[in-house]
Amino acid sequence: MKQIIKLITAVVLLLVLQVLPSMGYQKFNTTEIKLSVLPGLQFSLPRFQVKPGQQVNIVFNNTDNMEHNLLIVNPGQREKIVQKAMSMGSNGAKNNYIPNDSDVLCSIPVLRNGESQTLTFKAPDKEGVYPYVCTFPGHGFIMYGAMYVSSSNTMPPIEKDKNVSPSRMKADASHVHH
């Protein structure tokens, strides 16, 4: 009798774990990234890692005196998006310097000092290095980082990582979240 109860309990538990994600209970697979701003137009994390298809919450807190936004873009498209944001002219401010472009995967609008916002999204299914960047005019050339979407738990050594801002390529700046 005890064997049957254990078996039924195991089956019910497996069924519950299968159903919970479809009901919106994705906390089990959600990665939370806390991102803020350091002096010198830098994000607090030069890079982070998530799994393909994983639910991600980025809590972005603007701790700087300047305004900043946050965009996650397709691999290799950071410079193009930064240029597009700079060429928005008078439309820039009212559109939070976020270009209407399919290479912008998700974004947080311009935040002032002390403001915070959470960006919730599903990581791309395709593995790769997805840049995140502030496109407030002039910031995107040095204020960027890299979201590694990978099934493995490895990233290149930070001092050799061409996907992060040169000012952040220090051995002590490597952050892995998974």
C-alpha atoms as a PDB file:
ATOM      1  CA  MET A   1       0.000   0.000   0.000  1.00  0.00           C
ATOM      2  CA  LYS A   2       2.842   2.424   0.865  1.00  0.00           C
ATOM      3  CA  GLN A   3       4.404   1.721  -2.551  1.00  0.00           C
ATOM      4  CA  ILE A   4       1.174   2.668  -4.344  1.00  0.00           C
ATOM      5  CA  ILE A   5       0.833   5.911  -2.348  1.00  0.00           C
ATOM      6  CA  LYS A   6       4.451   6.843  -3.166  1.00  0.00           C
ATOM      7  CA  LEU A   7       3.853   6.106  -6.847  1.00  0.00           C
ATOM      8  CA  ILE A   8       0.635   8.147  -6.959  1.00  0.00           C
ATOM      9  CA  THR A   9       2.355  11.041  -5.144  1.00  0.00           C
ATOM     10  CA  ALA A  10       5.235  10.989  -7.636  1.00  0.00           C
ATOM     11  CA  VAL A  11       2.873  10.950 -10.626  1.00  0.00           C
ATOM     12  CA  VAL A  12       0.789  13.824  -9.223  1.00  0.00           C
ATOM     13  CA  LEU A  13       3.935  15.856  -8.510  1.00  0.00           C
ATOM     14  CA  LEU A  14       5.196  15.325 -12.061  1.00  0.00           C
ATOM     15  CA  LEU A  15       1.842  16.374 -13.492  1.00  0.00           C
ATOM     16  CA  VAL A  16       1.761  19.519 -11.347  1.00  0.00           C
ATOM     17  CA  LEU A  17       5.278  20.475 -12.453  1.00  0.00           C
ATOM     18  CA  GLN A  18       4.223  20.003 -16.086  1.00  0.00           C
ATOM     19  CA  VAL A  19       1.100  22.158 -15.737  1.00  0.00           C
ATOM     20  CA  LEU A  20       2.490  25.055 -13.655  1.00  0.00           C
ATOM     21  CA  PRO A  21       4.489  26.747 -16.459  1.00  0.00           C
ATOM     22  CA  SER A  22       1.441  26.835 -18.733  1.00  0.00           C
ATOM     23  CA  MET A  23      -0.513  28.501 -15.922  1.00  0.00           C
ATOM     24  CA  GLY A  24       1.991  31.340 -15.688  1.00  0.00           C
ATOM     25  CA  TYR A  25       3.972  29.971 -12.771  1.00  0.00           C
ATOM     26  CA  GLN A  26       7.386  30.290 -14.375  1.00  0.00           C
ATOM     27  CA  LYS A  27       9.307  31.294 -11.256  1.00  0.00           C
ATOM     28  CA  PHE A  28      11.077  27.914 -11.354  1.00  0.00           C
ATOM     29  CA  ASN A  29      12.861  28.788 -14.607  1.00  0.00           C
ATOM     30  CA  THR A  30      13.083  32.560 -14.246  1.00  0.00           C
ATOM     31  CA  THR A  31      16.406  34.334 -13.985  1.00  0.00           C
ATOM     32  CA  GLU A  32      16.421  37.746 -12.338  1.00  0.00           C
ATOM     33  CA  ILE A  33      19.162  40.167 -13.332  1.00  0.00           C
ATOM     34  CA  LYS A  34      19.699  43.316 -11.271  1.00  0.00           C
ATOM     35  CA  LEU A  35      21.180  46.057 -13.415  1.00  0.00           C
ATOM     36  CA  SER A  36      22.085  49.581 -12.373  1.00  0.00           C
ATOM     37  CA  VAL A  37      24.369  52.358 -13.614  1.00  0.00           C
ATOM     38  CA  LEU A  38      27.958  53.002 -12.570  1.00  0.00           C
ATOM     39  CA  PRO A  39      29.836  56.292 -13.014  1.00  0.00           C
ATOM     40  CA  GLY A  40      31.313  56.800 -16.468  1.00  0.00           C
ATOM     41  CA  LEU A  41      28.341  55.539 -18.515  1.00  0.00           C
ATOM     42  CA  GLN A  42      28.616  51.907 -17.477  1.00  0.00           C
ATOM     43  CA  PHE A  43      26.071  49.243 -16.617  1.00  0.00           C
ATOM     44  CA  SER A  44      26.754  47.507 -13.297  1.00  0.00           C
ATOM     45  CA  LEU A  45      27.056  44.159 -15.090  1.00  0.00           C
ATOM     46  CA  PRO A  46      29.241  44.032 -18.195  1.00  0.00           C
ATOM     47  CA  ARG A  47      27.556  40.756 -19.171  1.00  0.00           C
ATOM     48  CA  PHE A  48      25.293  37.988 -17.969  1.00  0.00           C
ATOM     49  CA  GLN A  49      24.153  34.590 -19.150  1.00  0.00           C
ATOM     50  CA  VAL A  50      20.738  32.985 -19.615  1.00  0.00           C
ATOM     51  CA  LYS A  51      19.477  29.763 -21.160  1.00  0.00           C
ATOM     52  CA  PRO A  52      17.677  29.705 -24.528  1.00  0.00           C
ATOM     53  CA  GLY A  53      13.932  30.223 -24.064  1.00  0.00           C
ATOM     54  CA  GLN A  54      14.330  31.025 -20.365  1.00  0.00           C
ATOM     55  CA  GLN A  55      12.097  33.591 -18.686  1.00  0.00           C
ATOM     56  CA  VAL A  56      14.200  36.645 -17.745  1.00  0.00           C
ATOM     57  CA  ASN A  57      13.427  39.575 -15.447  1.00  0.00           C
ATOM     58  CA  ILE A  58      15.849  42.484 -15.687  1.00  0.00           C
ATOM     59  CA  VAL A  59      15.358  44.940 -12.846  1.00  0.00           C
ATOM     60  CA  PHE A  60      16.926  48.159 -14.150  1.00  0.00           C
ATOM     61  CA  ASN A  61      17.550  50.856 -11.558  1.00  0.00           C
ATOM     62  CA  ASN A  62      18.887  54.204 -12.754  1.00  0.00           C
ATOM     63  CA  THR A  63      21.236  55.211  -9.965  1.00  0.00           C
ATOM     64  CA  ASP A  64      22.932  57.865 -12.108  1.00  0.00           C
ATOM     65  CA  ASN A  65      22.241  61.603 -12.395  1.00  0.00           C
ATOM     66  CA  MET A  66      21.789  61.246 -16.162  1.00  0.00           C
ATOM     67  CA  GLU A  67      18.858  59.666 -17.981  1.00  0.00           C
ATOM     68  CA  HIS A  68      19.285  56.137 -19.356  1.00  0.00           C
ATOM     69  CA  ASN A  69      17.263  53.546 -21.228  1.00  0.00           C
ATOM     70  CA  LEU A  70      17.914  49.862 -21.904  1.00  0.00           C
ATOM     71  CA  LEU A  71      17.537  47.987 -25.177  1.00  0.00           C
ATOM     72  CA  ILE A  72      18.319  44.366 -25.964  1.00  0.00           C
ATOM     73  CA  VAL A  73      19.131  43.900 -29.634  1.00  0.00           C
ATOM     74  CA  ASN A  74      19.949  41.130 -32.070  1.00  0.00           C
ATOM     75  CA  PRO A  75      23.551  39.916 -32.311  1.00  0.00           C
ATOM     76  CA  GLY A  76      25.820  42.299 -34.196  1.00  0.00           C
ATOM     77  CA  GLN A  77      23.226  45.103 -34.354  1.00  0.00           C
ATOM     78  CA  ARG A  78      24.242  47.382 -31.462  1.00  0.00           C
ATOM     79  CA  GLU A  79      26.064  49.996 -33.535  1.00  0.00           C
ATOM     80  CA  LYS A  80      23.279  50.144 -36.128  1.00  0.00           C
ATOM     81  CA  ILE A  81      20.657  50.707 -33.413  1.00  0.00           C
ATOM     82  CA  VAL A  82      22.816  53.344 -31.674  1.00  0.00           C
ATOM     83  CA  GLN A  83      23.159  55.228 -34.984  1.00  0.00           C
ATOM     84  CA  LYS A  84      19.412  54.997 -35.632  1.00  0.00           C
ATOM     85  CA  ALA A  85      18.668  56.357 -32.143  1.00  0.00           C
ATOM     86  CA  MET A  86      21.024  59.282 -32.708  1.00  0.00           C
ATOM     87  CA  SER A  87      19.328  60.125 -36.009  1.00  0.00           C
ATOM     88  CA  MET A  88      15.810  60.249 -34.521  1.00  0.00           C
ATOM     89  CA  GLY A  89      16.019  64.024 -34.172  1.00  0.00           C
ATOM     90  CA  SER A  90      13.023  65.656 -32.503  1.00  0.00           C
ATOM     91  CA  ASN A  91      11.251  62.271 -32.346  1.00  0.00           C
ATOM     92  CA  GLY A  92      13.986  60.852 -30.137  1.00  0.00           C
ATOM     93  CA  ALA A  93      12.834  62.129 -26.755  1.00  0.00           C
ATOM     94  CA  LYS A  94       9.160  61.313 -27.254  1.00  0.00           C
ATOM     95  CA  ASN A  95      10.128  57.779 -28.367  1.00  0.00           C
ATOM     96  CA  ASN A  96      12.634  57.317 -25.518  1.00  0.00           C
ATOM     97  CA  TYR A  97      15.442  57.070 -28.101  1.00  0.00           C
ATOM     98  CA  ILE A  98      14.201  53.600 -29.017  1.00  0.00           C
ATOM     99  CA  PRO A  99      14.237  53.146 -32.800  1.00  0.00           C
ATOM    100  CA  ASN A 100      11.329  51.336 -34.425  1.00  0.00           C
ATOM    101  CA  ASP A 101      13.453  48.478 -35.745  1.00  0.00           C
ATOM    102  CA  SER A 102      12.981  44.710 -35.796  1.00  0.00           C
ATOM    103  CA  ASP A 103      16.493  44.281 -34.359  1.00  0.00           C
ATOM    104  CA  VAL A 104      15.295  45.805 -31.059  1.00  0.00           C
ATOM    105  CA  LEU A 105      14.028  42.762 -29.183  1.00  0.00           C
ATOM    106  CA  CYS A 106      12.803  44.506 -26.030  1.00  0.00           C
ATOM    107  CA  SER A 107      13.413  47.717 -24.127  1.00  0.00           C
ATOM    108  CA  ILE A 108      12.912  49.899 -21.079  1.00  0.00           C
ATOM    109  CA  PRO A 109      12.161  53.583 -21.791  1.00  0.00           C
ATOM    110  CA  VAL A 110      14.306  56.448 -20.540  1.00  0.00           C
ATOM    111  CA  LEU A 111      14.468  56.495 -16.747  1.00  0.00           C
ATOM    112  CA  ARG A 112      15.486  59.451 -14.612  1.00  0.00           C
ATOM    113  CA  ASN A 113      17.652  59.249 -11.500  1.00  0.00           C
ATOM    114  CA  GLY A 114      16.091  56.988  -8.882  1.00  0.00           C
ATOM    115  CA  GLU A 115      13.569  55.408 -11.257  1.00  0.00           C
ATOM    116  CA  SER A 116      13.405  51.655 -11.687  1.00  0.00           C
ATOM    117  CA  GLN A 117      11.581  49.361 -14.078  1.00  0.00           C
ATOM    118  CA  THR A 118      11.465  45.612 -14.673  1.00  0.00           C
ATOM    119  CA  LEU A 119      11.740  44.133 -18.150  1.00  0.00           C
ATOM    120  CA  THR A 120      10.252  40.643 -18.414  1.00  0.00           C
ATOM    121  CA  PHE A 121      10.843  38.609 -21.555  1.00  0.00           C
ATOM    122  CA  LYS A 122      11.593  35.161 -22.897  1.00  0.00           C
ATOM    123  CA  ALA A 123      15.241  34.779 -23.898  1.00  0.00           C
ATOM    124  CA  PRO A 124      15.697  34.021 -27.593  1.00  0.00           C
ATOM    125  CA  ASP A 125      15.659  30.340 -28.510  1.00  0.00           C
ATOM    126  CA  LYS A 126      18.689  30.874 -30.732  1.00  0.00           C
ATOM    127  CA  GLU A 127      22.000  30.815 -28.875  1.00  0.00           C
ATOM    128  CA  GLY A 128      24.204  33.854 -29.352  1.00  0.00           C
ATOM    129  CA  VAL A 129      25.480  37.076 -27.846  1.00  0.00           C
ATOM    130  CA  TYR A 130      22.717  39.680 -27.630  1.00  0.00           C
ATOM    131  CA  PRO A 131      23.961  43.193 -26.830  1.00  0.00           C
ATOM    132  CA  TYR A 132      22.186  45.418 -24.338  1.00  0.00           C
ATOM    133  CA  VAL A 133      22.740  49.130 -24.697  1.00  0.00           C
ATOM    134  CA  CYS A 134      21.661  52.588 -23.569  1.00  0.00           C
ATOM    135  CA  THR A 135      20.711  54.581 -26.678  1.00  0.00           C
ATOM    136  CA  PHE A 136      20.311  57.963 -24.987  1.00  0.00           C
ATOM    137  CA  PRO A 137      22.268  60.280 -27.334  1.00  0.00           C
ATOM    138  CA  GLY A 138      25.998  59.671 -27.056  1.00  0.00           C
ATOM    139  CA  HIS A 139      25.756  56.857 -24.503  1.00  0.00           C
ATOM    140  CA  GLY A 140      25.587  53.802 -26.772  1.00  0.00           C
ATOM    141  CA  PHE A 141      29.194  53.970 -27.910  1.00  0.00           C
ATOM    142  CA  ILE A 142      30.481  53.040 -24.439  1.00  0.00           C
ATOM    143  CA  MET A 143      27.430  52.052 -22.370  1.00  0.00           C
ATOM    144  CA  TYR A 144      26.690  48.502 -23.419  1.00  0.00           C
ATOM    145  CA  GLY A 145      27.032  44.906 -22.328  1.00  0.00           C
ATOM    146  CA  ALA A 146      26.343  41.376 -23.491  1.00  0.00           C
ATOM    147  CA  MET A 147      23.572  38.897 -22.762  1.00  0.00           C
ATOM    148  CA  TYR A 148      24.922  35.441 -23.521  1.00  0.00           C
ATOM    149  CA  VAL A 149      22.153  33.043 -24.513  1.00  0.00           C
ATOM    150  CA  SER A 150      23.682  29.605 -24.172  1.00  0.00           C
ATOM    151  CA  SER A 151      22.917  26.101 -22.938  1.00  0.00           C
ATOM    152  CA  SER A 152      26.438  25.817 -21.539  1.00  0.00           C
ATOM    153  CA  ASN A 153      27.602  27.749 -18.511  1.00  0.00           C
ATOM    154  CA  THR A 154      30.670  29.211 -20.161  1.00  0.00           C
ATOM    155  CA  MET A 155      31.630  32.651 -21.392  1.00  0.00           C
ATOM    156  CA  PRO A 156      35.036  33.781 -22.629  1.00  0.00           C
ATOM    157  CA  PRO A 157      37.402  35.318 -20.074  1.00  0.00           C
ATOM    158  CA  ILE A 158      36.205  38.889 -19.489  1.00  0.00           C
ATOM    159  CA  GLU A 159      39.571  40.367 -20.449  1.00  0.00           C
ATOM    160  CA  LYS A 160      39.210  38.763 -23.918  1.00  0.00           C
ATOM    161  CA  ASP A 161      35.483  39.364 -24.381  1.00  0.00           C
ATOM    162  CA  LYS A 162      35.008  41.623 -27.425  1.00  0.00           C
ATOM    163  CA  ASN A 163      31.269  41.845 -26.632  1.00  0.00           C
ATOM    164  CA  VAL A 164      31.704  44.101 -23.606  1.00  0.00           C
ATOM    165  CA  SER A 165      32.834  47.701 -23.427  1.00  0.00           C
ATOM    166  CA  PRO A 166      36.661  47.950 -23.372  1.00  0.00           C
ATOM    167  CA  SER A 167      36.453  49.811 -20.054  1.00  0.00           C
ATOM    168  CA  ARG A 168      34.856  46.687 -18.500  1.00  0.00           C
ATOM    169  CA  MET A 169      37.382  44.097 -19.726  1.00  0.00           C
ATOM    170  CA  LYS A 170      38.818  43.359 -16.279  1.00  0.00           C
ATOM    171  CA  ALA A 171      39.218  39.921 -14.741  1.00  0.00           C
ATOM    172  CA  ASP A 172      37.186  40.870 -11.643  1.00  0.00           C
ATOM    173  CA  ALA A 173      34.156  42.013 -13.654  1.00  0.00           C
ATOM    174  CA  SER A 174      32.892  38.620 -14.833  1.00  0.00           C
ATOM    175  CA  HIS A 175      29.332  37.856 -13.752  1.00  0.00           C
ATOM    176  CA  VAL A 176      27.492  34.658 -14.554  1.00  0.00           C
ATOM    177  CA  HIS A 177      23.779  34.300 -13.834  1.00  0.00           C
ATOM    178  CA  HIS A 178      21.912  31.128 -14.635  1.00  0.00           C
END
